[in-house]
C-alpha atoms as a PDB file:
ATOM      1  CA  UNK A   1    -144.674 -12.266 -82.985  1.00  0.00           C
ATOM      2  CA  UNK A   2    -147.515 -14.548 -83.067  1.00  0.00           C
ATOM      3  CA  UNK A   3    -146.825 -17.952 -82.332  1.00  0.00           C
ATOM      4  CA  UNK A   4    -148.915 -21.000 -83.776  1.00  0.00           C
ATOM      5  CA  UNK A   5    -150.832 -22.757 -80.946  1.00  0.00           C
ATOM      6  CA  UNK A   6    -152.412 -26.033 -81.375  1.00  0.00           C
ATOM      7  CA  UNK A   7    -155.956 -26.020 -79.731  1.00  0.00           C
ATOM      8  CA  UNK A   8    -157.996 -28.963 -78.980  1.00  0.00           C
ATOM      9  CA  UNK A   9    -159.570 -29.719 -82.290  1.00  0.00           C
ATOM     10  CA  UNK A  10    -156.539 -29.000 -84.536  1.00  0.00           C
ATOM     11  CA  UNK A  11    -154.492 -31.865 -83.511  1.00  0.00           C
ATOM     12  CA  UNK A  12    -157.102 -34.302 -84.898  1.00  0.00           C
ATOM     13  CA  UNK A  13    -157.422 -32.154 -87.967  1.00  0.00           C
ATOM     14  CA  UNK A  14    -153.793 -31.840 -88.599  1.00  0.00           C
ATOM     15  CA  UNK A  15    -153.318 -35.595 -88.147  1.00  0.00           C
ATOM     16  CA  UNK A  16    -156.239 -36.229 -90.696  1.00  0.00           C
ATOM     17  CA  UNK A  17    -154.732 -33.931 -93.171  1.00  0.00           C
ATOM     18  CA  UNK A  18    -151.270 -35.588 -92.904  1.00  0.00           C
ATOM     19  CA  UNK A  19    -152.836 -39.086 -92.979  1.00  0.00           C
ATOM     20  CA  UNK A  20    -155.142 -38.270 -96.006  1.00  0.00           C
ATOM     21  CA  UNK A  21    -152.240 -36.565 -97.909  1.00  0.00           C
ATOM     22  CA  UNK A  22    -149.953 -39.767 -97.464  1.00  0.00           C
ATOM     23  CA  UNK A  23    -152.566 -42.033 -98.272  1.00  0.00           C
ATOM     24  CA  UNK A  24    -153.334 -40.044-101.685  1.00  0.00           C
ATOM     25  CA  UNK A  25    -149.658 -40.178-102.460  1.00  0.00           C
ATOM     26  CA  UNK A  26    -149.215 -43.805-101.724  1.00  0.00           C
ATOM     27  CA  UNK A  27    -152.428 -44.672-103.512  1.00  0.00           C
ATOM     28  CA  UNK A  28    -151.196 -42.849-106.707  1.00  0.00           C
ATOM     29  CA  UNK A  29    -147.632 -44.262-106.516  1.00  0.00           C
ATOM     30  CA  UNK A  30    -148.680 -47.798-105.802  1.00  0.00           C
ATOM     31  CA  UNK A  31    -151.656 -48.009-108.440  1.00  0.00           C
ATOM     32  CA  UNK A  32    -150.742 -49.946-111.500  1.00  0.00           C
ATOM     33  CA  UNK A  33    -149.533 -47.640-114.338  1.00  0.00           C
ATOM     34  CA  UNK A  34    -150.032 -48.523-117.874  1.00  0.00           C
ATOM     35  CA  UNK A  35    -146.963 -49.325-119.802  1.00  0.00           C
ATOM     36  CA  UNK A  36    -145.414 -46.461-121.558  1.00  0.00           C
ATOM     37  CA  UNK A  37    -146.259 -46.530-125.177  1.00  0.00           C
ATOM     38  CA  UNK A  38    -143.305 -47.710-127.362  1.00  0.00           C
ATOM     39  CA  UNK A  39    -141.871 -44.952-129.430  1.00  0.00           C
ATOM     40  CA  UNK A  40    -142.755 -44.762-132.952  1.00  0.00           C
ATOM     41  CA  UNK A  41    -139.479 -45.403-134.367  1.00  0.00           C
ATOM     42  CA  UNK A  42    -136.098 -46.305-133.032  1.00  0.00           C
ATOM     43  CA  UNK A  43    -133.436 -43.476-133.110  1.00  0.00           C
ATOM     44  CA  UNK A  44    -130.475 -45.711-133.715  1.00  0.00           C
ATOM     45  CA  UNK A  45    -129.369 -48.420-136.144  1.00  0.00           C
ATOM     46  CA  UNK A  46    -132.623 -48.779-137.903  1.00  0.00           C
ATOM     47  CA  UNK A  47    -134.792 -45.587-137.922  1.00  0.00           C
ATOM     48  CA  UNK A  48    -137.451 -47.262-140.234  1.00  0.00           C
ATOM     49  CA  UNK A  49    -138.219 -50.000-137.779  1.00  0.00           C
ATOM     50  CA  UNK A  50    -140.321 -49.883-134.716  1.00  0.00           C
ATOM     51  CA  UNK A  51    -138.982 -51.254-131.307  1.00  0.00           C
ATOM     52  CA  UNK A  52    -141.131 -54.400-131.606  1.00  0.00           C
ATOM     53  CA  UNK A  53    -140.044 -55.010-135.238  1.00  0.00           C
ATOM     54  CA  UNK A  54    -136.456 -54.772-134.066  1.00  0.00           C
ATOM     55  CA  UNK A  55    -136.835 -57.329-131.293  1.00  0.00           C
ATOM     56  CA  UNK A  56    -138.448 -59.551-133.800  1.00  0.00           C
ATOM     57  CA  UNK A  57    -135.526 -59.302-136.026  1.00  0.00           C
ATOM     58  CA  UNK A  58    -132.954 -60.106-133.367  1.00  0.00           C
ATOM     59  CA  UNK A  59    -132.841 -63.818-134.156  1.00  0.00           C
ATOM     60  CA  UNK A  60    -132.251 -63.122-137.934  1.00  0.00           C
ATOM     61  CA  UNK A  61    -129.678 -60.465-137.197  1.00  0.00           C
ATOM     62  CA  UNK A  62    -127.624 -62.738-134.905  1.00  0.00           C
ATOM     63  CA  UNK A  63    -127.787 -65.713-137.478  1.00  0.00           C
ATOM     64  CA  UNK A  64    -126.663 -63.299-140.178  1.00  0.00           C
ATOM     65  CA  UNK A  65    -123.894 -61.868-138.331  1.00  0.00           C
ATOM     66  CA  UNK A  66    -122.484 -65.391-137.555  1.00  0.00           C
ATOM     67  CA  UNK A  67    -122.655 -66.160-141.128  1.00  0.00           C
ATOM     68  CA  UNK A  68    -120.765 -62.995-142.067  1.00  0.00           C
ATOM     69  CA  UNK A  69    -118.281 -64.137-139.504  1.00  0.00           C
ATOM     70  CA  UNK A  70    -117.758 -67.517-141.205  1.00  0.00           C
ATOM     71  CA  UNK A  71    -117.534 -65.886-144.574  1.00  0.00           C
ATOM     72  CA  UNK A  72    -114.701 -63.634-143.191  1.00  0.00           C
ATOM     73  CA  UNK A  73    -113.006 -66.605-141.747  1.00  0.00           C
ATOM     74  CA  UNK A  74    -112.982 -68.433-145.058  1.00  0.00           C
ATOM     75  CA  UNK A  75    -111.247 -65.520-146.754  1.00  0.00           C
ATOM     76  CA  UNK A  76    -108.706 -65.410-143.740  1.00  0.00           C
ATOM     77  CA  UNK A  77    -108.112 -69.116-144.275  1.00  0.00           C
ATOM     78  CA  UNK A  78    -107.981 -68.565-148.043  1.00  0.00           C
ATOM     79  CA  UNK A  79    -110.804 -71.074-148.783  1.00  0.00           C
ATOM     80  CA  UNK A  80    -112.924 -68.252-150.391  1.00  0.00           C
ATOM     81  CA  UNK A  81    -111.904 -65.549-152.777  1.00  0.00           C
ATOM     82  CA  UNK A  82    -112.997 -61.840-152.257  1.00  0.00           C
ATOM     83  CA  UNK A  83    -115.594 -62.176-154.956  1.00  0.00           C
ATOM     84  CA  UNK A  84    -117.065 -65.315-153.665  1.00  0.00           C
ATOM     85  CA  UNK A  85    -117.341 -63.963-150.114  1.00  0.00           C
ATOM     86  CA  UNK A  86    -118.924 -60.598-151.455  1.00  0.00           C
ATOM     87  CA  UNK A  87    -121.450 -62.740-153.292  1.00  0.00           C
ATOM     88  CA  UNK A  88    -122.349 -64.611-150.229  1.00  0.00           C
ATOM     89  CA  UNK A  89    -122.552 -61.297-148.195  1.00  0.00           C
ATOM     90  CA  UNK A  90    -125.149 -60.210-150.966  1.00  0.00           C
ATOM     91  CA  UNK A  91    -127.012 -63.322-150.445  1.00  0.00           C
ATOM     92  CA  UNK A  92    -127.357 -62.658-146.725  1.00  0.00           C
ATOM     93  CA  UNK A  93    -128.346 -58.983-147.438  1.00  0.00           C
ATOM     94  CA  UNK A  94    -131.104 -60.013-150.082  1.00  0.00           C
ATOM     95  CA  UNK A  95    -132.489 -62.507-147.616  1.00  0.00           C
ATOM     96  CA  UNK A  96    -132.888 -60.164-144.844  1.00  0.00           C
ATOM     97  CA  UNK A  97    -136.151 -58.121-144.838  1.00  0.00           C
ATOM     98  CA  UNK A  98    -134.252 -55.657-142.235  1.00  0.00           C
ATOM     99  CA  UNK A  99    -131.588 -54.854-144.737  1.00  0.00           C
ATOM    100  CA  UNK A 100    -131.829 -51.291-145.646  1.00  0.00           C
ATOM    101  CA  UNK A 101    -130.593 -50.904-149.195  1.00  0.00           C
ATOM    102  CA  UNK A 102    -130.720 -47.189-149.323  1.00  0.00           C
ATOM    103  CA  UNK A 103    -128.444 -46.797-146.152  1.00  0.00           C
ATOM    104  CA  UNK A 104    -126.071 -49.200-147.759  1.00  0.00           C
ATOM    105  CA  UNK A 105    -125.777 -47.351-151.081  1.00  0.00           C
ATOM    106  CA  UNK A 106    -125.495 -44.105-149.226  1.00  0.00           C
ATOM    107  CA  UNK A 107    -122.335 -45.038-147.576  1.00  0.00           C
ATOM    108  CA  UNK A 108    -120.400 -45.056-150.836  1.00  0.00           C
ATOM    109  CA  UNK A 109    -122.772 -43.465-153.590  1.00  0.00           C
ATOM    110  CA  UNK A 110    -120.068 -43.283-156.165  1.00  0.00           C
ATOM    111  CA  UNK A 111    -119.256 -47.099-156.060  1.00  0.00           C
ATOM    112  CA  UNK A 112    -121.281 -50.186-157.163  1.00  0.00           C
ATOM    113  CA  UNK A 113    -123.023 -52.579-155.009  1.00  0.00           C
ATOM    114  CA  UNK A 114    -120.357 -55.054-156.034  1.00  0.00           C
ATOM    115  CA  UNK A 115    -117.704 -52.837-154.642  1.00  0.00           C
ATOM    116  CA  UNK A 116    -119.826 -52.174-151.509  1.00  0.00           C
ATOM    117  CA  UNK A 117    -120.216 -55.966-150.844  1.00  0.00           C
ATOM    118  CA  UNK A 118    -116.353 -56.606-151.356  1.00  0.00           C
ATOM    119  CA  UNK A 119    -115.852 -53.810-148.792  1.00  0.00           C
ATOM    120  CA  UNK A 120    -118.430 -55.296-146.542  1.00  0.00           C
ATOM    121  CA  UNK A 121    -116.338 -58.496-146.620  1.00  0.00           C
ATOM    122  CA  UNK A 122    -113.130 -56.370-145.695  1.00  0.00           C
ATOM    123  CA  UNK A 123    -115.038 -54.902-142.910  1.00  0.00           C
ATOM    124  CA  UNK A 124    -115.918 -58.354-141.445  1.00  0.00           C
ATOM    125  CA  UNK A 125    -112.299 -59.502-141.884  1.00  0.00           C
ATOM    126  CA  UNK A 126    -111.122 -56.761-139.838  1.00  0.00           C
ATOM    127  CA  UNK A 127    -113.696 -57.558-137.334  1.00  0.00           C
ATOM    128  CA  UNK A 128    -112.848 -61.019-136.985  1.00  0.00           C
ATOM    129  CA  UNK A 129    -108.994 -60.401-136.830  1.00  0.00           C
ATOM    130  CA  UNK A 130    -109.669 -57.251-134.591  1.00  0.00           C
ATOM    131  CA  UNK A 131    -106.047 -55.955-135.397  1.00  0.00           C
ATOM    132  CA  UNK A 132    -102.397 -56.844-136.023  1.00  0.00           C
ATOM    133  CA  UNK A 133    -100.004 -57.393-138.660  1.00  0.00           C
ATOM    134  CA  UNK A 134    -101.929 -60.418-140.201  1.00  0.00           C
ATOM    135  CA  UNK A 135    -104.996 -58.110-140.454  1.00  0.00           C
ATOM    136  CA  UNK A 136    -103.285 -55.048-141.984  1.00  0.00           C
ATOM    137  CA  UNK A 137    -101.684 -57.332-144.759  1.00  0.00           C
ATOM    138  CA  UNK A 138    -104.755 -59.138-145.545  1.00  0.00           C
ATOM    139  CA  UNK A 139    -106.799 -55.866-145.720  1.00  0.00           C
ATOM    140  CA  UNK A 140    -104.077 -54.239-147.907  1.00  0.00           C
ATOM    141  CA  UNK A 141    -104.268 -57.224-150.270  1.00  0.00           C
ATOM    142  CA  UNK A 142    -108.034 -57.258-150.548  1.00  0.00           C
ATOM    143  CA  UNK A 143    -108.054 -53.367-150.944  1.00  0.00           C
ATOM    144  CA  UNK A 144    -105.521 -53.853-153.563  1.00  0.00           C
ATOM    145  CA  UNK A 145    -107.770 -56.673-155.311  1.00  0.00           C
ATOM    146  CA  UNK A 146    -110.644 -54.248-155.437  1.00  0.00           C
ATOM    147  CA  UNK A 147    -108.538 -51.457-156.996  1.00  0.00           C
ATOM    148  CA  UNK A 148    -107.145 -53.939-159.637  1.00  0.00           C
ATOM    149  CA  UNK A 149    -110.554 -55.117-160.508  1.00  0.00           C
ATOM    150  CA  UNK A 150    -111.942 -51.642-160.721  1.00  0.00           C
ATOM    151  CA  UNK A 151    -109.338 -50.548-163.048  1.00  0.00           C
ATOM    152  CA  UNK A 152    -109.580 -53.695-165.394  1.00  0.00           C
ATOM    153  CA  UNK A 153    -113.428 -53.676-165.203  1.00  0.00           C
ATOM    154  CA  UNK A 154    -113.668 -57.045-163.622  1.00  0.00           C
ATOM    155  CA  UNK A 155    -115.301 -55.963-160.179  1.00  0.00           C
ATOM    156  CA  UNK A 156    -118.460 -57.782-160.571  1.00  0.00           C
ATOM    157  CA  UNK A 157    -120.381 -60.531-158.605  1.00  0.00           C
ATOM    158  CA  UNK A 158    -121.667 -63.660-160.083  1.00  0.00           C
ATOM    159  CA  UNK A 159    -125.364 -63.701-160.461  1.00  0.00           C
ATOM    160  CA  UNK A 160    -127.180 -65.946-157.907  1.00  0.00           C
ATOM    161  CA  UNK A 161    -128.712 -68.817-159.452  1.00  0.00           C
ATOM    162  CA  UNK A 162    -132.503 -69.262-158.632  1.00  0.00           C
END
């Protein structure tokens, strides 16, 4: 079996090759790389928005979420009716350029926007109360109100005054 034997000139050559390879690798790894291009679209929540549009919308989303919580609290406290709260939710939705009406309507295609906004109120009431007997009772009452209004044809939201 032949053994590899270093001769006088091969040691400096081997040292040069190792140093050069390490230098090239370090140079590549340490050089500034351009930031990755943002994805064309976000995959979750709002597929129609780019990442940059989404981050610009964050303050508006946070503000509208807090307004929705306040509306739900008024329903919980009994200072607002379901229909008043649904009309307030609709105003928030109309004001937001990020609101996706197609997605909103696709959730329950057989219902009206008025019923969808009422169910939006129920969602936020559940969110604020989390769980428990109070949440179950109030949600049951609100669901019954929607059904009653659907049957008698009074499930409509007041028009917004300009």
